[in-house]
Amino acid sequence: MDPPTAEQLVSAAKEGDLELVQHLLQQGLSVHTTHGNWQDTILHTAAEAGQLRVVEYLVELCPPSQQLHPAFSDSLHCWQRAAAPTHLL
């Protein structure tokens, strides 16, 4: 069996597959996995796709200090993006 991949985690977050997100994280993938040109986290991905259950899980999983985007570690960038008017509608 092939090891889980970051692409699977990103896809599961985007699709709202909470059980797969949980499984992949338990298999050793990082909640801090980033992707794309902007290095979005899986929290960004889930929020932008309107996947509230996944967002809630990721928020509960990490203390707020670990929810920050790596490129914007001095701000609440993830929260700002998740709260954008077009997200989580």
N, C-alpha and C. Protein backbone atom coordinates (compact mmCIF):
# COMPACT_ATOMS: atom_id res chain seq x y z
N MET A 1 0.84 -1.18 0.00
CA MET A 1 0.00 0.00 0.00
C MET A 1 0.88 1.25 0.00
N ASP A 2 0.56 2.20 -0.87
CA ASP A 2 1.34 3.43 -0.97
C ASP A 2 1.09 4.33 0.23
N PRO A 3 2.11 5.07 0.64
CA PRO A 3 1.91 6.00 1.75
C PRO A 3 0.96 7.13 1.32
N PRO A 4 0.26 7.72 2.29
CA PRO A 4 -0.63 8.83 1.95
C PRO A 4 0.16 10.02 1.42
N THR A 5 -0.50 10.83 0.61
CA THR A 5 0.18 11.98 0.01
C THR A 5 -0.49 13.29 0.42
N ALA A 6 0.28 14.36 0.32
CA ALA A 6 -0.25 15.69 0.61
C ALA A 6 -1.40 16.02 -0.33
N GLU A 7 -1.31 15.57 -1.58
CA GLU A 7 -2.38 15.84 -2.54
C GLU A 7 -3.70 15.21 -2.10
N GLN A 8 -3.62 14.03 -1.50
CA GLN A 8 -4.83 13.38 -0.99
C GLN A 8 -5.44 14.20 0.15
N LEU A 9 -4.59 14.74 1.01
CA LEU A 9 -5.06 15.54 2.14
C LEU A 9 -5.72 16.83 1.66
N VAL A 10 -5.09 17.49 0.72
CA VAL A 10 -5.65 18.72 0.16
C VAL A 10 -7.00 18.44 -0.49
N SER A 11 -7.06 17.39 -1.27
CA SER A 11 -8.30 17.01 -1.95
C SER A 11 -9.40 16.68 -0.94
N ALA A 12 -9.07 15.94 0.09
CA ALA A 12 -10.06 15.57 1.11
C ALA A 12 -10.59 16.81 1.82
N ALA A 13 -9.72 17.76 2.13
CA ALA A 13 -10.15 19.01 2.78
C ALA A 13 -11.07 19.80 1.86
N LYS A 14 -10.71 19.87 0.60
CA LYS A 14 -11.52 20.62 -0.38
C LYS A 14 -12.88 19.97 -0.60
N GLU A 15 -12.92 18.65 -0.60
CA GLU A 15 -14.16 17.92 -0.84
C GLU A 15 -15.02 17.78 0.43
N GLY A 16 -14.44 18.13 1.57
CA GLY A 16 -15.19 18.02 2.82
C GLY A 16 -15.25 16.61 3.38
N ASP A 17 -14.30 15.78 3.00
CA ASP A 17 -14.27 14.39 3.48
C ASP A 17 -13.55 14.34 4.83
N LEU A 18 -14.30 14.65 5.88
CA LEU A 18 -13.73 14.74 7.22
C LEU A 18 -13.07 13.44 7.65
N GLU A 19 -13.71 12.32 7.39
CA GLU A 19 -13.15 11.04 7.81
C GLU A 19 -11.80 10.78 7.14
N LEU A 20 -11.69 11.12 5.86
CA LEU A 20 -10.41 10.93 5.16
C LEU A 20 -9.36 11.90 5.69
N VAL A 21 -9.74 13.14 5.95
CA VAL A 21 -8.80 14.11 6.53
C VAL A 21 -8.26 13.55 7.85
N GLN A 22 -9.17 13.08 8.71
CA GLN A 22 -8.74 12.52 9.99
C GLN A 22 -7.81 11.33 9.80
N HIS A 23 -8.16 10.44 8.89
CA HIS A 23 -7.34 9.25 8.63
C HIS A 23 -5.95 9.65 8.13
N LEU A 24 -5.89 10.57 7.19
CA LEU A 24 -4.59 10.96 6.62
C LEU A 24 -3.72 11.64 7.67
N LEU A 25 -4.33 12.44 8.53
CA LEU A 25 -3.55 13.07 9.60
C LEU A 25 -3.05 12.03 10.59
N GLN A 26 -3.88 11.03 10.88
CA GLN A 26 -3.47 9.95 11.78
C GLN A 26 -2.35 9.12 11.16
N GLN A 27 -2.28 9.09 9.83
CA GLN A 27 -1.24 8.34 9.15
C GLN A 27 0.08 9.12 9.06
N GLY A 28 0.09 10.33 9.60
CA GLY A 28 1.35 11.06 9.69
C GLY A 28 1.46 12.30 8.82
N LEU A 29 0.46 12.58 7.99
CA LEU A 29 0.52 13.83 7.24
C LEU A 29 0.32 14.99 8.20
N SER A 30 0.84 16.14 7.83
CA SER A 30 0.83 17.29 8.73
C SER A 30 -0.38 18.20 8.49
N VAL A 31 -0.93 18.68 9.59
CA VAL A 31 -2.00 19.67 9.51
C VAL A 31 -1.47 20.97 8.89
N HIS A 32 -0.16 21.12 8.86
CA HIS A 32 0.47 22.31 8.29
C HIS A 32 0.81 22.14 6.81
N THR A 33 0.32 21.09 6.19
CA THR A 33 0.55 20.87 4.77
C THR A 33 0.09 22.08 3.98
N THR A 34 0.94 22.54 3.06
CA THR A 34 0.59 23.68 2.21
C THR A 34 0.65 23.27 0.75
N HIS A 35 0.00 24.07 -0.08
CA HIS A 35 -0.03 23.77 -1.51
C HIS A 35 -0.31 25.04 -2.30
N GLY A 36 -0.05 24.97 -3.59
CA GLY A 36 -0.37 26.08 -4.50
C GLY A 36 0.63 27.21 -4.43
N ASN A 37 0.41 28.18 -5.31
CA ASN A 37 1.31 29.33 -5.39
C ASN A 37 1.34 30.16 -4.11
N TRP A 38 0.22 30.18 -3.39
CA TRP A 38 0.13 30.99 -2.18
C TRP A 38 0.45 30.19 -0.93
N GLN A 39 0.80 28.91 -1.12
CA GLN A 39 1.12 28.03 0.01
C GLN A 39 -0.04 27.98 1.01
N ASP A 40 -1.25 27.80 0.48
CA ASP A 40 -2.42 27.67 1.33
C ASP A 40 -2.31 26.44 2.22
N THR A 41 -2.84 26.56 3.42
CA THR A 41 -2.91 25.41 4.32
C THR A 41 -4.20 24.64 4.03
N ILE A 42 -4.34 23.47 4.65
CA ILE A 42 -5.58 22.73 4.44
C ILE A 42 -6.74 23.44 5.12
N LEU A 43 -6.46 24.26 6.14
CA LEU A 43 -7.52 25.08 6.74
C LEU A 43 -8.03 26.09 5.72
N HIS A 44 -7.11 26.75 5.01
CA HIS A 44 -7.52 27.67 3.94
C HIS A 44 -8.39 26.93 2.92
N THR A 45 -7.91 25.78 2.49
CA THR A 45 -8.58 25.03 1.45
C THR A 45 -10.00 24.66 1.86
N ALA A 46 -10.15 24.14 3.06
CA ALA A 46 -11.48 23.75 3.54
C ALA A 46 -12.39 24.97 3.68
N ALA A 47 -11.85 26.07 4.19
CA ALA A 47 -12.67 27.28 4.37
C ALA A 47 -13.12 27.83 3.02
N GLU A 48 -12.20 27.91 2.08
CA GLU A 48 -12.55 28.44 0.76
C GLU A 48 -13.56 27.57 0.04
N ALA A 49 -13.57 26.29 0.34
CA ALA A 49 -14.52 25.37 -0.29
C ALA A 49 -15.82 25.27 0.50
N GLY A 50 -15.92 26.00 1.62
CA GLY A 50 -17.15 25.98 2.40
C GLY A 50 -17.36 24.70 3.19
N GLN A 51 -16.28 24.01 3.55
CA GLN A 51 -16.36 22.73 4.25
C GLN A 51 -16.28 22.95 5.76
N LEU A 52 -17.40 23.38 6.33
CA LEU A 52 -17.45 23.78 7.72
C LEU A 52 -17.02 22.67 8.69
N ARG A 53 -17.45 21.44 8.46
CA ARG A 53 -17.07 20.35 9.37
C ARG A 53 -15.56 20.16 9.42
N VAL A 54 -14.92 20.24 8.27
CA VAL A 54 -13.46 20.09 8.22
C VAL A 54 -12.80 21.29 8.90
N VAL A 55 -13.30 22.48 8.63
CA VAL A 55 -12.75 23.68 9.27
C VAL A 55 -12.85 23.56 10.79
N GLU A 56 -14.02 23.19 11.29
CA GLU A 56 -14.20 23.05 12.73
C GLU A 56 -13.23 22.03 13.32
N TYR A 57 -13.05 20.91 12.62
CA TYR A 57 -12.13 19.88 13.10
C TYR A 57 -10.70 20.42 13.16
N LEU A 58 -10.27 21.09 12.10
CA LEU A 58 -8.90 21.60 12.06
C LEU A 58 -8.68 22.67 13.11
N VAL A 59 -9.69 23.51 13.35
CA VAL A 59 -9.57 24.55 14.36
C VAL A 59 -9.46 23.91 15.75
N GLU A 60 -10.24 22.88 16.01
CA GLU A 60 -10.18 22.19 17.30
C GLU A 60 -8.87 21.43 17.47
N LEU A 61 -8.32 20.94 16.37
CA LEU A 61 -7.10 20.13 16.41
C LEU A 61 -5.88 20.94 16.80
N CYS A 62 -5.83 22.19 16.39
CA CYS A 62 -4.64 23.02 16.59
C CYS A 62 -4.93 24.20 17.48
N PRO A 63 -4.03 24.51 18.37
CA PRO A 63 -4.17 25.76 19.11
C PRO A 63 -4.03 26.93 18.13
N PRO A 64 -4.62 28.09 18.43
CA PRO A 64 -4.59 29.22 17.51
C PRO A 64 -3.20 29.59 17.01
N SER A 65 -2.18 29.45 17.84
CA SER A 65 -0.82 29.81 17.41
C SER A 65 -0.33 28.93 16.28
N GLN A 66 -0.90 27.73 16.12
CA GLN A 66 -0.48 26.83 15.05
C GLN A 66 -1.38 26.92 13.83
N GLN A 67 -2.38 27.77 13.87
CA GLN A 67 -3.29 27.91 12.74
C GLN A 67 -2.84 29.02 11.80
N LEU A 68 -1.76 29.69 12.15
CA LEU A 68 -1.29 30.80 11.33
C LEU A 68 -0.63 30.29 10.06
N HIS A 69 -0.79 31.03 9.01
CA HIS A 69 -0.16 30.71 7.74
C HIS A 69 1.34 30.90 7.91
N PRO A 70 2.15 29.93 7.44
CA PRO A 70 3.61 30.03 7.65
C PRO A 70 4.22 31.31 7.10
N ALA A 71 3.69 31.85 6.02
CA ALA A 71 4.25 33.07 5.43
C ALA A 71 3.78 34.32 6.15
N PHE A 72 2.77 34.20 7.00
CA PHE A 72 2.21 35.34 7.70
C PHE A 72 2.12 35.02 9.19
N SER A 73 3.21 34.56 9.77
CA SER A 73 3.19 34.05 11.14
C SER A 73 2.88 35.12 12.18
N ASP A 74 2.91 36.39 11.77
CA ASP A 74 2.61 37.43 12.75
C ASP A 74 1.17 37.94 12.63
N SER A 75 0.35 37.24 11.86
CA SER A 75 -1.03 37.69 11.70
C SER A 75 -1.98 36.50 11.75
N LEU A 76 -3.25 36.80 11.78
CA LEU A 76 -4.26 35.74 11.75
C LEU A 76 -4.76 35.55 10.32
N HIS A 77 -3.83 35.41 9.41
CA HIS A 77 -4.14 35.31 7.99
C HIS A 77 -5.15 34.20 7.67
N CYS A 78 -4.99 33.03 8.26
CA CYS A 78 -5.94 31.94 8.01
C CYS A 78 -7.35 32.35 8.39
N TRP A 79 -7.47 32.96 9.55
CA TRP A 79 -8.79 33.37 10.01
C TRP A 79 -9.37 34.44 9.11
N GLN A 80 -8.54 35.37 8.68
CA GLN A 80 -9.02 36.43 7.79
C GLN A 80 -9.53 35.84 6.49
N ARG A 81 -8.79 34.90 5.92
CA ARG A 81 -9.21 34.30 4.66
C ARG A 81 -10.45 33.44 4.86
N ALA A 82 -10.51 32.70 5.96
CA ALA A 82 -11.66 31.83 6.21
C ALA A 82 -12.93 32.65 6.40
N ALA A 83 -12.79 33.85 6.95
CA ALA A 83 -13.96 34.68 7.23
C ALA A 83 -14.36 35.57 6.06
N ALA A 84 -13.66 35.47 4.95
CA ALA A 84 -14.00 36.30 3.78
C ALA A 84 -15.46 36.04 3.38
N PRO A 85 -16.13 37.06 2.87
CA PRO A 85 -17.56 36.94 2.56
C PRO A 85 -17.92 35.78 1.63
N THR A 86 -17.01 35.39 0.76
CA THR A 86 -17.34 34.32 -0.18
C THR A 86 -17.02 32.93 0.36
N HIS A 87 -16.49 32.84 1.55
CA HIS A 87 -16.12 31.55 2.14
C HIS A 87 -17.13 31.14 3.19
N LEU A 88 -17.29 29.86 3.34
CA LEU A 88 -18.17 29.29 4.35
C LEU A 88 -19.60 29.82 4.28
N LEU A 89 -20.08 29.98 3.07
CA LEU A 89 -21.47 30.43 2.88
C LEU A 89 -22.39 29.25 2.75
